[in-house]
Amino acid sequence: MIVVLVAVGIFINGVYEMLTLFDNQDWQQLWSWKMIISLGTFPIMFIILLYRARVENRAN
């Protein structure tokens, strides 16, 4: 559960920074590695958890 909360926090921080960069029109930093990692953390975590739930459901 802690990992999910950390992933959500990183994702929300990335969304906030993305909106700030849109407001400042700083397009070069918008596609930096930091932004890609922070915006990709939660969706990747969600896909992993969904996959694990399906695999465990098939085992039962």
Protein backbone atom coordinates (compact mmCIF):
# COMPACT_ATOMS: atom_id res chain seq x y z
CA MET A 1 0.00 0.00 0.00
CA ILE A 2 2.86 2.36 0.76
CA VAL A 3 4.31 1.82 -2.72
CA VAL A 4 0.98 2.76 -4.29
CA LEU A 5 0.76 5.93 -2.20
CA VAL A 6 4.30 6.92 -3.15
CA ALA A 7 3.51 6.30 -6.84
CA VAL A 8 0.38 8.44 -6.59
CA GLY A 9 2.37 11.21 -4.90
CA ILE A 10 5.05 11.18 -7.60
CA PHE A 11 2.36 11.20 -10.30
CA ILE A 12 0.50 14.15 -8.74
CA ASN A 13 3.76 16.07 -8.41
CA GLY A 14 4.50 15.40 -12.08
CA VAL A 15 1.06 16.63 -13.14
CA TYR A 16 1.54 19.81 -11.11
CA GLU A 17 4.96 20.44 -12.66
CA MET A 18 3.56 19.73 -16.14
CA LEU A 19 0.79 22.30 -15.64
CA THR A 20 3.35 24.81 -14.36
CA LEU A 21 5.54 24.25 -17.42
CA PHE A 22 2.51 24.70 -19.71
CA ASP A 23 1.76 27.99 -17.97
CA ASN A 24 5.36 29.18 -18.36
CA GLN A 25 5.53 27.77 -21.92
CA ASP A 26 8.79 26.01 -21.11
CA TRP A 27 8.54 23.33 -23.80
CA GLN A 28 12.11 22.02 -23.50
CA GLN A 29 11.72 20.86 -19.91
CA LEU A 30 8.29 19.42 -20.58
CA TRP A 31 9.77 16.32 -22.23
CA SER A 32 12.66 15.84 -19.83
CA TRP A 33 13.37 12.44 -18.25
CA LYS A 34 12.11 13.71 -14.91
CA MET A 35 8.69 14.49 -16.38
CA ILE A 36 8.46 11.20 -18.27
CA ILE A 37 9.33 9.18 -15.17
CA SER A 38 7.02 11.12 -12.86
CA LEU A 39 4.05 10.93 -15.23
CA GLY A 40 4.67 7.29 -16.07
CA THR A 41 5.02 6.02 -12.50
CA PHE A 42 1.35 5.67 -11.56
CA PRO A 43 0.06 4.21 -14.85
CA ILE A 44 2.84 1.61 -14.85
CA MET A 45 2.12 0.76 -11.21
CA PHE A 46 -1.59 0.42 -12.03
CA ILE A 47 -0.85 -1.95 -14.94
CA ILE A 48 1.43 -4.09 -12.75
CA LEU A 49 -1.16 -4.33 -9.98
CA LEU A 50 -3.91 -5.16 -12.48
CA TYR A 51 -1.77 -7.90 -14.01
CA ARG A 52 -0.95 -9.39 -10.60
CA ALA A 53 -4.62 -9.37 -9.61
CA ARG A 54 -5.59 -11.21 -12.79
CA VAL A 55 -2.85 -13.81 -12.32
CA GLU A 56 -3.81 -14.41 -8.68
CA ASN A 57 -7.48 -14.61 -9.64
CA ARG A 58 -6.73 -17.34 -12.21
CA ALA A 59 -4.82 -19.36 -9.62
CA ASN A 60 -7.94 -19.59 -7.43
